[in-house]
Amino acid sequence: MTGDDTVYLTPEGLKQIHEELDHLKTTRREEVSQKLERAIKQGDLKENADYHDAKEEQGFIEGRIRQLEDMLRRASVIENNGPSNVVRIGSTVTVREVGEEDDETYVIVGAHEADPTKGRISNISPIGSALLGAKRGQTVQAQTPSGFVEFEVVNIG
């Protein structure tokens, strides 16, 4: 792990983790338990594919439960408290690539909630980390897989 192993989550992200954890602990555990019970009744566990599949599924569920519980222990809820003069985690920031005409808007979120297809970029991604601390009108550079890209911060919300 890195020096800062905090899991930054929006209130919505925190809610999603709680919902997934609840679903896994109640519904999915019970479903797999019933699946295991049926497989055991078939007998001869060594060559019982249903039993082995259910045990594997049980392992995945238990692993995910541990992962979610760990995330919750390390969680720090971020909130966008409205406009700010600098980009921070939770900010909605509109940028324009230098030399381009179109603006792009991103929400800076923790790595666990990042989804670039929905405009949610991680605070540790090249663009996200370059934007952190930037002010409106400032130009920042980000090292991307295709090389350095310069962005002007158009607006911070």
C-alpha atoms as a PDB file:
ATOM      1  CA  MET A   1       0.000   0.000   0.000  1.00  0.00           C
ATOM      2  CA  THR A   2       0.973   3.581  -0.400  1.00  0.00           C
ATOM      3  CA  GLY A   3       1.725   5.910   2.474  1.00  0.00           C
ATOM      4  CA  ASP A   4      -1.844   7.214   2.341  1.00  0.00           C
ATOM      5  CA  ASP A   5      -4.121   4.203   2.320  1.00  0.00           C
ATOM      6  CA  THR A   6      -7.241   6.289   2.884  1.00  0.00           C
ATOM      7  CA  VAL A   7     -10.174   5.315   0.685  1.00  0.00           C
ATOM      8  CA  TYR A   8     -11.813   8.548  -0.482  1.00  0.00           C
ATOM      9  CA  LEU A   9     -15.524   8.111  -1.116  1.00  0.00           C
ATOM     10  CA  THR A  10     -18.397  10.404  -1.971  1.00  0.00           C
ATOM     11  CA  PRO A  11     -21.550   9.969   0.123  1.00  0.00           C
ATOM     12  CA  GLU A  12     -23.060   8.078  -2.837  1.00  0.00           C
ATOM     13  CA  GLY A  13     -20.026   5.797  -3.048  1.00  0.00           C
ATOM     14  CA  LEU A  14     -20.230   5.084   0.675  1.00  0.00           C
ATOM     15  CA  LYS A  15     -23.911   4.217   0.297  1.00  0.00           C
ATOM     16  CA  GLN A  16     -23.146   1.871  -2.620  1.00  0.00           C
ATOM     17  CA  ILE A  17     -20.513   0.033  -0.587  1.00  0.00           C
ATOM     18  CA  HIS A  18     -22.898  -0.385   2.343  1.00  0.00           C
ATOM     19  CA  GLU A  19     -25.618  -1.668  -0.015  1.00  0.00           C
ATOM     20  CA  GLU A  20     -23.275  -4.135  -1.730  1.00  0.00           C
ATOM     21  CA  LEU A  21     -21.947  -5.350   1.610  1.00  0.00           C
ATOM     22  CA  ASP A  22     -25.475  -5.838   2.955  1.00  0.00           C
ATOM     23  CA  HIS A  23     -26.494  -7.714  -0.224  1.00  0.00           C
ATOM     24  CA  LEU A  24     -23.460 -10.001  -0.022  1.00  0.00           C
ATOM     25  CA  LYS A  25     -23.869 -10.728   3.690  1.00  0.00           C
ATOM     26  CA  THR A  26     -27.576 -11.443   3.508  1.00  0.00           C
ATOM     27  CA  THR A  27     -28.808 -12.475   0.067  1.00  0.00           C
ATOM     28  CA  ARG A  28     -25.683 -13.861  -1.653  1.00  0.00           C
ATOM     29  CA  ARG A  29     -24.351 -15.770   1.381  1.00  0.00           C
ATOM     30  CA  GLU A  30     -27.741 -17.450   1.785  1.00  0.00           C
ATOM     31  CA  GLU A  31     -27.972 -18.306  -1.931  1.00  0.00           C
ATOM     32  CA  VAL A  32     -24.530 -19.895  -1.947  1.00  0.00           C
ATOM     33  CA  SER A  33     -25.257 -21.709   1.306  1.00  0.00           C
ATOM     34  CA  GLN A  34     -28.338 -23.270  -0.277  1.00  0.00           C
ATOM     35  CA  LYS A  35     -26.346 -24.124  -3.388  1.00  0.00           C
ATOM     36  CA  LEU A  36     -23.710 -25.856  -1.239  1.00  0.00           C
ATOM     37  CA  GLU A  37     -26.385 -27.735   0.674  1.00  0.00           C
ATOM     38  CA  ARG A  38     -27.917 -29.069  -2.564  1.00  0.00           C
ATOM     39  CA  ALA A  39     -24.485 -30.037  -3.909  1.00  0.00           C
ATOM     40  CA  ILE A  40     -23.547 -31.880  -0.716  1.00  0.00           C
ATOM     41  CA  LYS A  41     -26.767 -33.898  -0.925  1.00  0.00           C
ATOM     42  CA  GLN A  42     -25.620 -35.144  -4.336  1.00  0.00           C
ATOM     43  CA  GLY A  43     -22.816 -37.051  -2.593  1.00  0.00           C
ATOM     44  CA  ASP A  44     -19.183 -37.754  -3.607  1.00  0.00           C
ATOM     45  CA  LEU A  45     -17.747 -34.274  -3.148  1.00  0.00           C
ATOM     46  CA  LYS A  46     -14.428 -35.079  -4.866  1.00  0.00           C
ATOM     47  CA  GLU A  47     -16.001 -35.184  -8.316  1.00  0.00           C
ATOM     48  CA  ASN A  48     -18.994 -32.946  -7.690  1.00  0.00           C
ATOM     49  CA  ALA A  49     -18.723 -29.913 -10.014  1.00  0.00           C
ATOM     50  CA  ASP A  50     -21.681 -28.155  -8.370  1.00  0.00           C
ATOM     51  CA  TYR A  51     -19.990 -28.415  -4.976  1.00  0.00           C
ATOM     52  CA  HIS A  52     -16.671 -27.069  -6.272  1.00  0.00           C
ATOM     53  CA  ASP A  53     -18.399 -24.201  -8.114  1.00  0.00           C
ATOM     54  CA  ALA A  54     -20.349 -23.265  -5.002  1.00  0.00           C
ATOM     55  CA  LYS A  55     -17.209 -23.369  -2.829  1.00  0.00           C
ATOM     56  CA  GLU A  56     -15.384 -21.161  -5.326  1.00  0.00           C
ATOM     57  CA  GLU A  57     -18.291 -18.719  -5.420  1.00  0.00           C
ATOM     58  CA  GLN A  58     -18.369 -18.709  -1.620  1.00  0.00           C
ATOM     59  CA  GLY A  59     -14.670 -17.832  -1.578  1.00  0.00           C
ATOM     60  CA  PHE A  60     -15.213 -14.910  -3.972  1.00  0.00           C
ATOM     61  CA  ILE A  61     -18.113 -13.589  -1.887  1.00  0.00           C
ATOM     62  CA  GLU A  62     -16.172 -13.831   1.375  1.00  0.00           C
ATOM     63  CA  GLY A  63     -13.167 -12.143  -0.236  1.00  0.00           C
ATOM     64  CA  ARG A  64     -15.317  -9.292  -1.523  1.00  0.00           C
ATOM     65  CA  ILE A  65     -16.926  -8.894   1.912  1.00  0.00           C
ATOM     66  CA  ARG A  66     -13.475  -8.572   3.509  1.00  0.00           C
ATOM     67  CA  GLN A  67     -12.432  -6.080   0.816  1.00  0.00           C
ATOM     68  CA  LEU A  68     -15.525  -3.910   1.343  1.00  0.00           C
ATOM     69  CA  GLU A  69     -15.172  -4.021   5.132  1.00  0.00           C
ATOM     70  CA  ASP A  70     -11.537  -2.949   4.798  1.00  0.00           C
ATOM     71  CA  MET A  71     -12.542  -0.092   2.495  1.00  0.00           C
ATOM     72  CA  LEU A  72     -15.100   1.079   5.057  1.00  0.00           C
ATOM     73  CA  ARG A  73     -12.500   1.003   7.850  1.00  0.00           C
ATOM     74  CA  ARG A  74     -10.201   3.229   5.788  1.00  0.00           C
ATOM     75  CA  ALA A  75     -12.963   5.411   4.308  1.00  0.00           C
ATOM     76  CA  SER A  76     -12.923   9.174   4.365  1.00  0.00           C
ATOM     77  CA  VAL A  77     -16.126  10.717   3.031  1.00  0.00           C
ATOM     78  CA  ILE A  78     -15.555  13.620   0.680  1.00  0.00           C
ATOM     79  CA  GLU A  79     -18.206  16.159  -0.043  1.00  0.00           C
ATOM     80  CA  ASN A  80     -18.373  18.945  -2.527  1.00  0.00           C
ATOM     81  CA  ASN A  81     -19.282  21.880  -0.310  1.00  0.00           C
ATOM     82  CA  GLY A  82     -19.869  24.123  -3.287  1.00  0.00           C
ATOM     83  CA  PRO A  83     -17.518  26.301  -5.250  1.00  0.00           C
ATOM     84  CA  SER A  84     -13.923  26.575  -4.192  1.00  0.00           C
ATOM     85  CA  ASN A  85     -11.041  28.585  -5.522  1.00  0.00           C
ATOM     86  CA  VAL A  86      -8.881  25.447  -5.866  1.00  0.00           C
ATOM     87  CA  VAL A  87      -9.492  21.951  -7.224  1.00  0.00           C
ATOM     88  CA  ARG A  88      -9.811  19.347  -4.474  1.00  0.00           C
ATOM     89  CA  ILE A  89     -11.185  15.839  -4.118  1.00  0.00           C
ATOM     90  CA  GLY A  90     -14.935  16.192  -4.601  1.00  0.00           C
ATOM     91  CA  SER A  91     -14.639  19.179  -6.942  1.00  0.00           C
ATOM     92  CA  THR A  92     -16.410  19.356 -10.248  1.00  0.00           C
ATOM     93  CA  VAL A  93     -13.882  20.936 -12.571  1.00  0.00           C
ATOM     94  CA  THR A  94     -14.301  22.100 -16.149  1.00  0.00           C
ATOM     95  CA  VAL A  95     -11.119  22.119 -18.225  1.00  0.00           C
ATOM     96  CA  ARG A  96     -10.131  22.891 -21.775  1.00  0.00           C
ATOM     97  CA  GLU A  97      -7.188  21.187 -23.412  1.00  0.00           C
ATOM     98  CA  VAL A  98      -4.797  23.865 -24.656  1.00  0.00           C
ATOM     99  CA  GLY A  99      -5.351  24.320 -28.388  1.00  0.00           C
ATOM    100  CA  GLU A 100      -8.832  22.785 -28.317  1.00  0.00           C
ATOM    101  CA  GLU A 101     -12.237  24.462 -28.291  1.00  0.00           C
ATOM    102  CA  ASP A 102     -14.378  21.999 -26.338  1.00  0.00           C
ATOM    103  CA  ASP A 103     -14.572  21.926 -22.560  1.00  0.00           C
ATOM    104  CA  GLU A 104     -14.610  18.746 -20.524  1.00  0.00           C
ATOM    105  CA  THR A 105     -16.058  18.452 -17.053  1.00  0.00           C
ATOM    106  CA  TYR A 106     -14.781  15.995 -14.451  1.00  0.00           C
ATOM    107  CA  VAL A 107     -15.592  15.180 -10.873  1.00  0.00           C
ATOM    108  CA  ILE A 108     -12.457  14.388  -8.867  1.00  0.00           C
ATOM    109  CA  VAL A 109     -13.190  11.276  -6.799  1.00  0.00           C
ATOM    110  CA  GLY A 110     -11.246   8.601  -4.960  1.00  0.00           C
ATOM    111  CA  ALA A 111      -9.783   5.732  -6.969  1.00  0.00           C
ATOM    112  CA  HIS A 112     -12.536   3.316  -5.941  1.00  0.00           C
ATOM    113  CA  GLU A 113     -15.252   5.444  -7.538  1.00  0.00           C
ATOM    114  CA  ALA A 114     -13.415   6.508 -10.679  1.00  0.00           C
ATOM    115  CA  ASP A 115     -15.308   5.963 -13.922  1.00  0.00           C
ATOM    116  CA  PRO A 116     -13.876   8.091 -16.745  1.00  0.00           C
ATOM    117  CA  THR A 117     -16.778   7.164 -19.027  1.00  0.00           C
ATOM    118  CA  LYS A 118     -19.026   9.050 -16.598  1.00  0.00           C
ATOM    119  CA  GLY A 119     -16.624  11.956 -16.101  1.00  0.00           C
ATOM    120  CA  ARG A 120     -15.456  10.722 -12.682  1.00  0.00           C
ATOM    121  CA  ILE A 121     -11.662  10.693 -12.531  1.00  0.00           C
ATOM    122  CA  SER A 122      -9.460   9.537  -9.703  1.00  0.00           C
ATOM    123  CA  ASN A 123      -7.440  11.907  -7.576  1.00  0.00           C
ATOM    124  CA  ILE A 124      -4.411   9.688  -8.297  1.00  0.00           C
ATOM    125  CA  SER A 125      -4.887   9.504 -12.072  1.00  0.00           C
ATOM    126  CA  PRO A 126      -2.476  11.604 -14.150  1.00  0.00           C
ATOM    127  CA  ILE A 127      -5.094  14.241 -14.971  1.00  0.00           C
ATOM    128  CA  GLY A 128      -6.749  14.152 -11.552  1.00  0.00           C
ATOM    129  CA  SER A 129      -3.501  14.564  -9.640  1.00  0.00           C
ATOM    130  CA  ALA A 130      -2.360  17.357 -12.000  1.00  0.00           C
ATOM    131  CA  LEU A 131      -5.603  19.242 -11.364  1.00  0.00           C
ATOM    132  CA  LEU A 132      -5.504  18.990  -7.555  1.00  0.00           C
ATOM    133  CA  GLY A 133      -4.658  22.385  -6.088  1.00  0.00           C
ATOM    134  CA  ALA A 134      -5.086  24.208  -9.404  1.00  0.00           C
ATOM    135  CA  LYS A 135      -6.995  27.498  -9.564  1.00  0.00           C
ATOM    136  CA  ARG A 136      -9.401  28.837 -12.148  1.00  0.00           C
ATOM    137  CA  GLY A 137      -7.505  30.150 -15.191  1.00  0.00           C
ATOM    138  CA  GLN A 138      -4.393  28.135 -14.320  1.00  0.00           C
ATOM    139  CA  THR A 139      -2.808  25.783 -16.843  1.00  0.00           C
ATOM    140  CA  VAL A 140      -1.650  22.345 -15.667  1.00  0.00           C
ATOM    141  CA  GLN A 141       0.233  19.551 -17.394  1.00  0.00           C
ATOM    142  CA  ALA A 142      -0.565  15.869 -17.105  1.00  0.00           C
ATOM    143  CA  GLN A 143       1.583  12.991 -18.299  1.00  0.00           C
ATOM    144  CA  THR A 144      -0.796  10.657 -20.116  1.00  0.00           C
ATOM    145  CA  PRO A 145      -0.048   7.496 -22.113  1.00  0.00           C
ATOM    146  CA  SER A 146      -0.059   9.641 -25.269  1.00  0.00           C
ATOM    147  CA  GLY A 147       2.341  12.214 -23.804  1.00  0.00           C
ATOM    148  CA  PHE A 148       2.061  15.516 -21.961  1.00  0.00           C
ATOM    149  CA  VAL A 149      -1.303  17.246 -22.181  1.00  0.00           C
ATOM    150  CA  GLU A 150      -1.953  20.802 -21.010  1.00  0.00           C
ATOM    151  CA  PHE A 151      -5.295  21.826 -19.551  1.00  0.00           C
ATOM    152  CA  GLU A 152      -6.626  25.209 -18.586  1.00  0.00           C
ATOM    153  CA  VAL A 153      -8.940  25.192 -15.574  1.00  0.00           C
ATOM    154  CA  VAL A 154     -12.102  26.914 -16.829  1.00  0.00           C
ATOM    155  CA  ASN A 155     -14.318  26.503 -13.761  1.00  0.00           C
ATOM    156  CA  ILE A 156     -14.318  24.846 -10.351  1.00  0.00           C
ATOM    157  CA  GLY A 157     -17.571  23.821  -8.717  1.00  0.00           C
END
